[in-house]
Amino acid sequence: MPRPRKKRTTLKVTLGRDGPSWRLRWDRGENRVSVSLGPTSETMAMRKAAQIQAALTGGPWPEWALAIPRVQAYALGHKESLRARDLGDLLAGYEGHLRRTRISDNWRVTSLGVLKELGRFAADRGEPALEDVSAATAQAFVEHIPGSPPPFLKGRKTPRTASTANRALSIARKFYKWASRIHGLGANPFDGVQDLPEADIEQVRYLTLEERSEVLAAADEDPEGLVIWLALIAGLRRKEIATLEWSRVHLEPKVMKISVRNTKTPSKKKRKAAHDVDIAQVLYKKLTAIPPARRRGKVIDWPEREPQWIYQSNLLIDRLKKRILARGEEEAETLQWQKKTARRKWAKDLAKRVEWRVFRSTFCTLHLHAGVEPHVVASWIGDTLDVFLTHYVEHIPHYNDDINAVDRLYEEQLKARRA
């Protein structure tokens, strides 16, 4: 005869970690209580867990626990109010969950920013907590994003697009799926929300050959000017440049390529872990001019943490814009008075369009204009051909022998391939 199972008379407190924070859980079902202790020490977390365990067996509740509304409601027997979860606790728990997933820091910050904006939007509509968000509020939240500026970026008033709203919709769906699995929340209010129709792909902005030469000349005057060369001549992203090491730069005459690790999360089928970029002659001369003794470790001596090198790269762009304006002013002084105004205006317009996204678009567009096959350019930047064509299909010329107006950036390599 099987031995009868002993009935548990007390509840067991579970102590776990959510990233850097400690969390206490007890009870089960809809009345489960979850309390975040913050980034405290393990000894203090175990001490508080013991205090809660003693309170559940009939002892007094500690004052620090009664200061938490959910614990106070549990101690007073108001279990119907335990379903109300604090917005900060949910976000803190979800942040810990995101830290354990393989996503970039930029996407993690974006996800939390969307949820904070959703919390404020719902609170203005009389729904103070994320668990109170209704389907109507979810639909209104997605529809209000296009045309509105980002709420957490100071000084940026550019209206957002439908694609941004669809990304926010995807983030909200994942959050409520996680909250339902971990905290037992009800139906996902974003399940019935449809993706907004996205407009046509925004026209690609790029620099002409003359403008590119002007930017490179201004970059030569900066100690970190090699960053601009890598962005314009090799088409690398900022993060790819910040993490690039000399061991992945092959300067042998028969190789001449840069092996770039993809900075976006690799997919099993669509995106590889790395791609190779051929080194142009102008960039080869720039890299070989650096003494071999300095070709150790990272190519660009930027900090490891992403927010720090993003800040440093933004300072580089600001310095580059000032040098472009200064060079335009110097050139205008040597011209006749009729051309001075035009040259100054040309420099101002160029300075306004100098940004990291334009550098990558310039790399792709000028190579297409020079007759390089689209699948080759797509492989250089690490994109699939279908994704690449959605942005640059209009810049593929009708291939013929009359394309000589644009300088062939990879003339030596193209001749060798066709020989």
Protein backbone atom coordinates (compact mmCIF):
# COMPACT_ATOMS: atom_id res chain seq x y z
CA MET A 1 0.00 0.00 0.00
CA PRO A 2 1.50 3.36 -0.98
CA ARG A 3 2.43 5.69 1.80
CA PRO A 4 0.02 8.66 2.06
CA ARG A 5 1.52 11.95 1.03
CA LYS A 6 2.01 14.38 3.88
CA LYS A 7 -0.11 17.48 3.56
CA ARG A 8 1.86 20.70 3.51
CA THR A 9 0.65 23.15 6.11
CA THR A 10 2.92 26.06 5.25
CA LEU A 11 3.87 27.76 2.03
CA LYS A 12 7.42 27.61 0.80
CA VAL A 13 9.25 30.79 -0.18
CA THR A 14 11.28 30.54 -3.36
CA LEU A 15 14.33 32.75 -3.79
CA GLY A 16 15.52 33.40 -7.36
CA ARG A 17 17.38 35.88 -9.49
CA ASP A 18 16.17 38.12 -12.32
CA GLY A 19 19.44 39.40 -13.74
CA PRO A 20 21.17 41.47 -11.02
CA SER A 21 18.05 41.51 -8.79
CA TRP A 22 16.76 38.99 -6.28
CA ARG A 23 13.08 37.99 -6.21
CA LEU A 24 10.90 36.21 -3.61
CA ARG A 25 7.87 34.11 -4.63
CA TRP A 26 5.29 32.19 -2.63
CA ASP A 27 1.76 30.84 -2.93
CA ARG A 28 0.46 29.58 -6.25
CA GLY A 29 -2.27 30.12 -8.80
CA GLU A 30 -3.84 33.55 -9.14
CA ASN A 31 -2.73 34.53 -5.62
CA ARG A 32 0.98 34.03 -6.25
CA VAL A 33 3.06 36.86 -4.80
CA SER A 34 6.31 37.96 -6.40
CA VAL A 35 8.45 40.60 -4.67
CA SER A 36 11.57 42.16 -6.17
CA LEU A 37 14.37 42.78 -3.64
CA GLY A 38 16.56 44.74 -6.05
CA PRO A 39 20.31 44.25 -6.55
CA THR A 40 21.03 43.29 -2.93
CA SER A 41 23.56 40.79 -1.61
CA GLU A 42 22.84 37.07 -1.44
CA THR A 43 23.13 37.09 2.36
CA MET A 44 20.55 39.86 2.71
CA ALA A 45 18.25 38.14 0.21
CA MET A 46 18.39 34.88 2.18
CA ARG A 47 17.73 36.77 5.42
CA LYS A 48 14.62 38.42 3.97
CA ALA A 49 13.45 35.08 2.58
CA ALA A 50 13.73 33.61 6.08
CA GLN A 51 11.70 36.51 7.51
CA ILE A 52 8.92 35.94 4.96
CA GLN A 53 8.98 32.19 5.66
CA ALA A 54 8.59 32.89 9.38
CA ALA A 55 5.69 35.28 8.69
CA LEU A 56 3.90 32.64 6.59
CA THR A 57 4.07 30.19 9.51
CA GLY A 58 2.32 32.63 11.84
CA GLY A 59 5.08 35.03 12.85
CA PRO A 60 5.03 38.82 12.51
CA TRP A 61 5.46 40.42 9.10
CA PRO A 62 8.61 42.56 8.77
CA GLU A 63 8.11 46.28 8.24
CA TRP A 64 10.01 46.34 4.94
CA ALA A 65 7.61 43.74 3.55
CA LEU A 66 4.44 45.55 4.72
CA ALA A 67 5.65 48.65 2.87
CA ILE A 68 5.04 46.73 -0.36
CA PRO A 69 1.32 46.98 -1.32
CA ARG A 70 1.11 43.42 -2.62
CA VAL A 71 2.62 41.94 0.53
CA GLN A 72 0.39 44.10 2.72
CA ALA A 73 -2.68 42.90 0.81
CA TYR A 74 -1.59 39.30 1.27
CA ALA A 75 -0.96 39.80 5.00
CA LEU A 76 -4.41 41.37 5.47
CA GLY A 77 -6.11 38.61 3.53
CA HIS A 78 -7.19 40.82 0.62
CA LYS A 79 -6.22 38.23 -1.97
CA GLU A 80 -8.58 39.67 -4.57
CA SER A 81 -6.27 42.69 -4.91
CA LEU A 82 -3.19 40.55 -5.55
CA ARG A 83 -3.89 40.49 -9.26
CA ALA A 84 -2.82 44.14 -9.53
CA ARG A 85 0.85 44.02 -10.43
CA ASP A 86 3.14 46.98 -10.12
CA LEU A 87 4.36 48.45 -13.43
CA GLY A 88 7.90 48.79 -12.17
CA ASP A 89 8.04 45.17 -10.99
CA LEU A 90 6.86 43.88 -14.36
CA LEU A 91 9.37 45.99 -16.25
CA ALA A 92 12.18 45.01 -13.88
CA GLY A 93 11.35 41.35 -14.34
CA TYR A 94 11.13 41.70 -18.11
CA GLU A 95 14.45 43.56 -18.20
CA GLY A 96 16.05 40.65 -16.38
CA HIS A 97 14.48 38.30 -18.92
CA LEU A 98 15.87 40.34 -21.84
CA ARG A 99 19.34 40.26 -20.35
CA ARG A 100 19.31 36.48 -20.56
CA THR A 101 18.26 36.43 -24.22
CA ARG A 102 20.54 36.80 -27.25
CA ILE A 103 19.61 40.27 -28.41
CA SER A 104 21.61 43.43 -28.90
CA ASP A 105 21.77 46.14 -26.24
CA ASN A 106 20.12 48.55 -28.65
CA TRP A 107 17.10 46.28 -29.11
CA ARG A 108 16.88 45.70 -25.35
CA VAL A 109 16.73 49.45 -24.67
CA THR A 110 14.23 49.91 -27.50
CA SER A 111 11.95 47.21 -26.07
CA LEU A 112 11.92 48.75 -22.61
CA GLY A 113 11.35 52.21 -24.08
CA VAL A 114 8.27 51.00 -25.98
CA LEU A 115 6.82 49.47 -22.82
CA LYS A 116 7.44 52.65 -20.83
CA GLU A 117 5.68 54.65 -23.52
CA LEU A 118 2.80 52.17 -23.46
CA GLY A 119 2.53 52.56 -19.68
CA ARG A 120 2.27 56.35 -19.93
CA PHE A 121 -0.18 56.16 -22.83
CA ALA A 122 -2.43 53.71 -20.97
CA ALA A 123 -2.25 55.78 -17.75
CA ASP A 124 -3.52 58.84 -19.64
CA ARG A 125 -6.52 56.75 -20.73
CA GLY A 126 -7.33 55.67 -17.17
CA GLU A 127 -5.50 52.33 -17.21
CA PRO A 128 -2.66 52.80 -14.69
CA ALA A 129 -1.02 49.36 -14.95
CA LEU A 130 0.16 47.29 -17.88
CA GLU A 131 -2.19 44.47 -16.91
CA ASP A 132 -5.13 46.89 -17.28
CA VAL A 133 -4.40 47.69 -20.94
CA SER A 134 -7.48 46.93 -23.01
CA ALA A 135 -7.69 45.93 -26.65
CA ALA A 136 -8.99 49.40 -27.57
CA THR A 137 -6.03 51.07 -25.84
CA ALA A 138 -3.64 48.68 -27.57
CA GLN A 139 -5.08 49.59 -30.96
CA ALA A 140 -4.99 53.31 -30.17
CA PHE A 141 -1.39 53.05 -28.97
CA VAL A 142 -0.20 51.50 -32.22
CA GLU A 143 -2.13 54.02 -34.32
CA HIS A 144 -0.77 57.05 -32.44
CA ILE A 145 2.91 56.18 -33.10
CA PRO A 146 3.09 57.18 -36.82
CA GLY A 147 3.52 60.92 -37.04
CA SER A 148 4.48 61.38 -33.38
CA PRO A 149 8.07 62.09 -32.25
CA PRO A 150 9.98 59.66 -30.02
CA PRO A 151 9.06 60.51 -26.41
CA PHE A 152 12.39 59.57 -24.81
CA LEU A 153 14.88 61.19 -27.23
CA LYS A 154 15.60 64.81 -26.45
CA GLY A 155 16.06 67.17 -29.37
CA ARG A 156 14.77 64.69 -31.95
CA LYS A 157 11.44 65.74 -33.44
CA THR A 158 11.41 63.55 -36.54
CA PRO A 159 7.98 61.87 -36.81
CA ARG A 160 7.95 58.09 -36.64
CA THR A 161 6.69 55.81 -39.40
CA ALA A 162 4.33 52.86 -39.67
CA SER A 163 7.29 50.47 -39.61
CA THR A 164 8.21 51.85 -36.17
CA ALA A 165 4.65 51.20 -34.99
CA ASN A 166 4.80 47.63 -36.26
CA ARG A 167 8.06 47.06 -34.38
CA ALA A 168 6.42 48.41 -31.22
CA LEU A 169 3.49 46.06 -31.81
CA SER A 170 5.86 43.09 -32.03
CA ILE A 171 7.59 44.15 -28.80
CA ALA A 172 4.27 44.50 -26.93
CA ARG A 173 3.10 41.07 -28.11
CA LYS A 174 6.28 39.41 -26.86
CA PHE A 175 6.02 41.22 -23.52
CA TYR A 176 2.45 40.10 -22.84
CA LYS A 177 3.27 36.56 -23.93
CA TRP A 178 6.07 36.54 -21.36
CA ALA A 179 3.86 38.15 -18.67
CA SER A 180 1.14 35.57 -19.27
CA ARG A 181 3.61 32.69 -18.94
CA ILE A 182 5.46 34.03 -15.88
CA HIS A 183 2.88 36.10 -13.97
CA GLY A 184 -0.34 34.49 -15.17
CA LEU A 185 -1.79 37.57 -16.88
CA GLY A 186 -4.92 37.15 -18.92
CA ALA A 187 -5.46 37.61 -22.64
CA ASN A 188 -2.93 39.51 -24.68
CA PRO A 189 -4.56 42.86 -25.62
CA PHE A 190 -2.34 43.11 -28.73
CA ASP A 191 -3.39 39.80 -30.25
CA GLY A 192 -6.19 41.38 -32.26
CA VAL A 193 -4.19 44.41 -33.39
CA GLN A 194 -3.21 44.26 -37.07
CA ASP A 195 0.04 45.54 -38.50
CA LEU A 196 -0.22 48.97 -40.05
CA PRO A 197 0.30 49.20 -43.82
CA GLU A 198 3.80 50.49 -44.42
CA ALA A 199 4.55 53.09 -47.05
CA ASP A 200 7.00 52.53 -49.84
CA ILE A 201 10.65 52.26 -48.93
CA GLU A 202 12.12 55.65 -48.13
CA GLN A 203 14.35 57.01 -50.86
CA VAL A 204 17.97 56.19 -50.19
CA ARG A 205 20.12 59.20 -49.34
CA TYR A 206 23.73 59.06 -50.42
CA LEU A 207 26.73 61.23 -51.23
CA THR A 208 28.05 61.86 -54.71
CA LEU A 209 31.68 61.14 -55.56
CA GLU A 210 32.58 64.80 -55.10
CA GLU A 211 30.83 64.92 -51.74
CA ARG A 212 32.43 61.65 -50.67
CA SER A 213 35.88 63.01 -51.55
CA GLU A 214 35.16 66.12 -49.50
CA VAL A 215 34.11 64.06 -46.47
CA LEU A 216 37.21 61.87 -46.73
CA ALA A 217 39.45 64.92 -46.99
CA ALA A 218 37.86 66.38 -43.85
CA ALA A 219 38.26 63.02 -42.09
CA ASP A 220 42.01 63.02 -42.76
CA GLU A 221 42.32 66.01 -40.44
CA ASP A 222 40.87 64.04 -37.50
CA PRO A 223 42.80 61.52 -35.38
CA GLU A 224 39.89 59.10 -35.74
CA GLY A 225 39.46 59.75 -39.45
CA LEU A 226 40.06 56.09 -40.30
CA VAL A 227 36.56 55.39 -38.98
CA ILE A 228 35.03 57.47 -41.77
CA TRP A 229 37.21 55.71 -44.36
CA LEU A 230 36.02 52.32 -43.15
CA ALA A 231 32.41 53.48 -43.27
CA LEU A 232 32.60 55.02 -46.76
CA ILE A 233 35.10 52.78 -48.54
CA ALA A 234 34.22 49.46 -46.85
CA GLY A 235 30.55 50.08 -45.96
CA LEU A 236 30.91 48.99 -42.34
CA ARG A 237 28.41 49.80 -39.62
CA ARG A 238 29.49 51.66 -36.50
CA LYS A 239 29.38 48.55 -34.35
CA GLU A 240 31.29 46.58 -36.98
CA ILE A 241 33.99 49.25 -36.91
CA ALA A 242 34.00 49.44 -33.09
CA THR A 243 34.53 45.66 -32.78
CA LEU A 244 36.88 45.20 -35.77
CA GLU A 245 40.27 43.68 -34.92
CA TRP A 246 43.46 43.70 -36.95
CA SER A 247 43.48 39.91 -37.00
CA ARG A 248 40.44 40.10 -39.31
CA VAL A 249 42.06 42.60 -41.70
CA HIS A 250 43.99 40.73 -44.40
CA LEU A 251 46.41 43.02 -46.25
CA GLU A 252 48.16 40.34 -48.30
CA PRO A 253 48.27 41.42 -51.99
CA LYS A 254 46.45 38.28 -53.15
CA VAL A 255 43.77 38.45 -50.43
CA MET A 256 43.00 42.09 -49.55
CA LYS A 257 39.78 41.66 -47.61
CA ILE A 258 38.18 42.41 -44.24
CA SER A 259 36.36 39.61 -42.44
CA VAL A 260 33.47 41.32 -40.65
CA ARG A 261 31.40 39.79 -37.89
CA ASN A 262 27.73 40.57 -38.34
CA THR A 263 26.54 42.76 -35.47
CA LYS A 264 22.87 41.86 -35.83
CA THR A 265 21.57 38.67 -34.25
CA PRO A 266 22.42 35.87 -36.71
CA SER A 267 19.52 33.84 -38.06
CA LYS A 268 19.81 30.13 -38.78
CA LYS A 269 19.09 30.50 -42.48
CA LYS A 270 18.91 34.12 -43.57
CA ARG A 271 22.01 35.68 -42.05
CA LYS A 272 25.50 34.28 -41.64
CA ALA A 273 27.77 34.95 -38.69
CA ALA A 274 30.37 36.82 -40.80
CA HIS A 275 30.96 38.25 -44.28
CA ASP A 276 33.99 39.43 -46.25
CA VAL A 277 34.54 42.87 -47.80
CA ASP A 278 37.13 43.41 -50.51
CA ILE A 279 39.59 46.19 -49.70
CA ALA A 280 39.82 48.95 -52.32
CA GLN A 281 43.21 50.28 -53.36
CA VAL A 282 42.64 53.65 -51.67
CA LEU A 283 41.74 51.95 -48.38
CA TYR A 284 44.63 49.51 -48.77
CA LYS A 285 47.09 52.42 -48.96
CA LYS A 286 45.43 53.97 -45.91
CA LEU A 287 45.72 50.78 -43.85
CA THR A 288 49.25 49.87 -44.90
CA ALA A 289 50.42 53.39 -43.95
CA ILE A 290 49.78 52.43 -40.31
CA PRO A 291 52.98 50.95 -38.79
CA PRO A 292 52.87 47.18 -38.19
CA ALA A 293 53.63 47.77 -34.50
CA ARG A 294 50.26 49.50 -34.14
CA ARG A 295 48.34 46.71 -35.87
CA ARG A 296 47.51 44.95 -32.63
CA GLY A 297 44.14 44.36 -31.04
CA LYS A 298 41.27 46.56 -32.20
CA VAL A 299 41.61 48.71 -35.32
CA ILE A 300 39.79 51.60 -33.64
CA ASP A 301 40.62 52.23 -29.99
CA TRP A 302 37.05 52.72 -28.81
CA PRO A 303 35.59 51.59 -25.46
CA GLU A 304 34.01 48.16 -25.18
CA ARG A 305 30.65 49.42 -23.91
CA GLU A 306 28.24 50.33 -26.68
CA PRO A 307 26.85 53.59 -25.19
CA GLN A 308 30.40 54.93 -24.81
CA TRP A 309 31.53 54.34 -28.40
CA ILE A 310 28.19 55.56 -29.74
CA TYR A 311 28.77 58.81 -27.85
CA GLN A 312 32.34 58.96 -29.17
CA SER A 313 31.21 58.31 -32.74
CA ASN A 314 28.62 61.09 -32.48
CA LEU A 315 31.36 63.47 -31.36
CA LEU A 316 33.35 62.42 -34.42
CA ILE A 317 30.43 63.33 -36.70
CA ASP A 318 30.12 66.73 -35.03
CA ARG A 319 33.82 67.40 -35.59
CA LEU A 320 33.52 66.24 -39.17
CA LYS A 321 30.65 68.64 -39.88
CA LYS A 322 32.63 71.56 -38.47
CA ARG A 323 35.64 70.70 -40.65
CA ILE A 324 33.45 70.47 -43.75
CA LEU A 325 32.04 73.94 -43.04
CA ALA A 326 35.52 75.31 -42.37
CA ARG A 327 36.90 73.82 -45.61
CA GLY A 328 33.96 75.24 -47.55
CA GLU A 329 34.60 78.67 -46.07
CA GLU A 330 38.28 78.52 -47.02
CA GLU A 331 37.50 77.46 -50.58
CA ALA A 332 34.85 80.17 -50.90
CA GLU A 333 37.42 82.86 -50.09
CA THR A 334 39.47 81.89 -53.14
CA LEU A 335 36.52 82.09 -55.55
CA GLN A 336 34.83 85.01 -57.18
CA TRP A 337 32.07 86.68 -55.29
CA GLN A 338 29.35 85.08 -57.50
CA LYS A 339 30.51 81.56 -56.53
CA LYS A 340 31.21 82.22 -52.86
CA THR A 341 27.56 81.94 -51.84
CA ALA A 342 27.03 78.78 -53.88
CA ARG A 343 30.10 77.11 -52.37
CA ARG A 344 29.08 77.99 -48.84
CA LYS A 345 25.57 76.67 -49.44
CA TRP A 346 27.02 73.45 -50.90
CA ALA A 347 29.14 72.92 -47.78
CA LYS A 348 26.17 73.59 -45.46
CA ASP A 349 23.95 71.14 -47.34
CA LEU A 350 26.68 68.51 -47.25
CA ALA A 351 27.22 68.96 -43.50
CA LYS A 352 23.51 68.45 -42.86
CA ARG A 353 23.49 65.11 -44.70
CA VAL A 354 26.60 63.67 -43.04
CA GLU A 355 25.52 60.81 -40.79
CA TRP A 356 26.30 57.13 -40.35
CA ARG A 357 23.35 55.81 -42.34
CA VAL A 358 24.31 57.93 -45.32
CA PHE A 359 27.84 56.47 -45.33
CA ARG A 360 26.58 52.91 -45.78
CA SER A 361 24.06 53.98 -48.42
CA THR A 362 26.83 55.81 -50.28
CA PHE A 363 28.96 52.68 -50.32
CA CYS A 364 26.15 50.58 -51.82
CA THR A 365 24.82 53.16 -54.27
CA LEU A 366 28.14 54.21 -55.81
CA HIS A 367 29.19 50.62 -56.33
CA LEU A 368 25.95 49.87 -58.12
CA HIS A 369 26.45 52.95 -60.28
CA ALA A 370 29.96 51.71 -61.04
CA GLY A 371 28.61 48.45 -62.44
CA VAL A 372 29.26 46.07 -59.54
CA GLU A 373 26.74 43.23 -59.51
CA PRO A 374 24.02 43.59 -56.83
CA HIS A 375 24.71 40.18 -55.26
CA VAL A 376 28.37 41.17 -54.78
CA VAL A 377 27.49 44.43 -52.99
CA ALA A 378 24.89 42.59 -50.90
CA SER A 379 27.53 40.07 -49.81
CA TRP A 380 29.89 42.90 -48.87
CA ILE A 381 27.41 44.47 -46.45
CA GLY A 382 26.15 41.12 -45.10
CA ASP A 383 22.57 41.36 -46.43
CA THR A 384 20.56 38.85 -48.41
CA LEU A 385 19.88 39.78 -52.02
CA ASP A 386 16.11 40.17 -51.57
CA VAL A 387 16.54 42.56 -48.64
CA PHE A 388 19.23 44.48 -50.51
CA LEU A 389 17.07 44.93 -53.62
CA THR A 390 14.15 46.35 -51.64
CA HIS A 391 16.33 49.37 -50.86
CA TYR A 392 18.63 49.74 -53.87
CA VAL A 393 16.78 48.33 -56.87
CA GLU A 394 16.29 51.81 -58.32
CA HIS A 395 20.04 52.41 -58.30
CA ILE A 396 20.92 49.44 -60.51
CA PRO A 397 21.77 50.90 -63.95
CA HIS A 398 21.15 49.21 -67.25
CA TYR A 399 24.49 47.56 -67.72
CA ASN A 400 26.30 48.64 -70.88
CA ASP A 401 29.71 49.87 -71.96
CA ASP A 402 28.74 53.54 -71.67
CA ILE A 403 28.86 53.64 -67.84
CA ASN A 404 31.97 55.74 -67.51
CA ALA A 405 30.54 58.83 -65.82
CA VAL A 406 31.13 57.40 -62.34
CA ASP A 407 34.60 56.41 -61.17
CA ARG A 408 34.89 52.65 -60.80
CA LEU A 409 35.72 52.28 -57.14
CA TYR A 410 36.97 48.75 -57.55
CA GLU A 411 38.43 49.05 -61.03
CA GLU A 412 41.42 46.79 -60.39
CA GLN A 413 39.31 44.01 -58.90
CA LEU A 414 36.69 44.22 -61.67
CA LYS A 415 39.29 43.95 -64.42
CA ALA A 416 40.82 40.92 -62.76
CA ARG A 417 37.45 39.17 -62.54
CA ARG A 418 36.53 39.80 -66.17
CA ALA A 419 39.94 38.80 -67.51
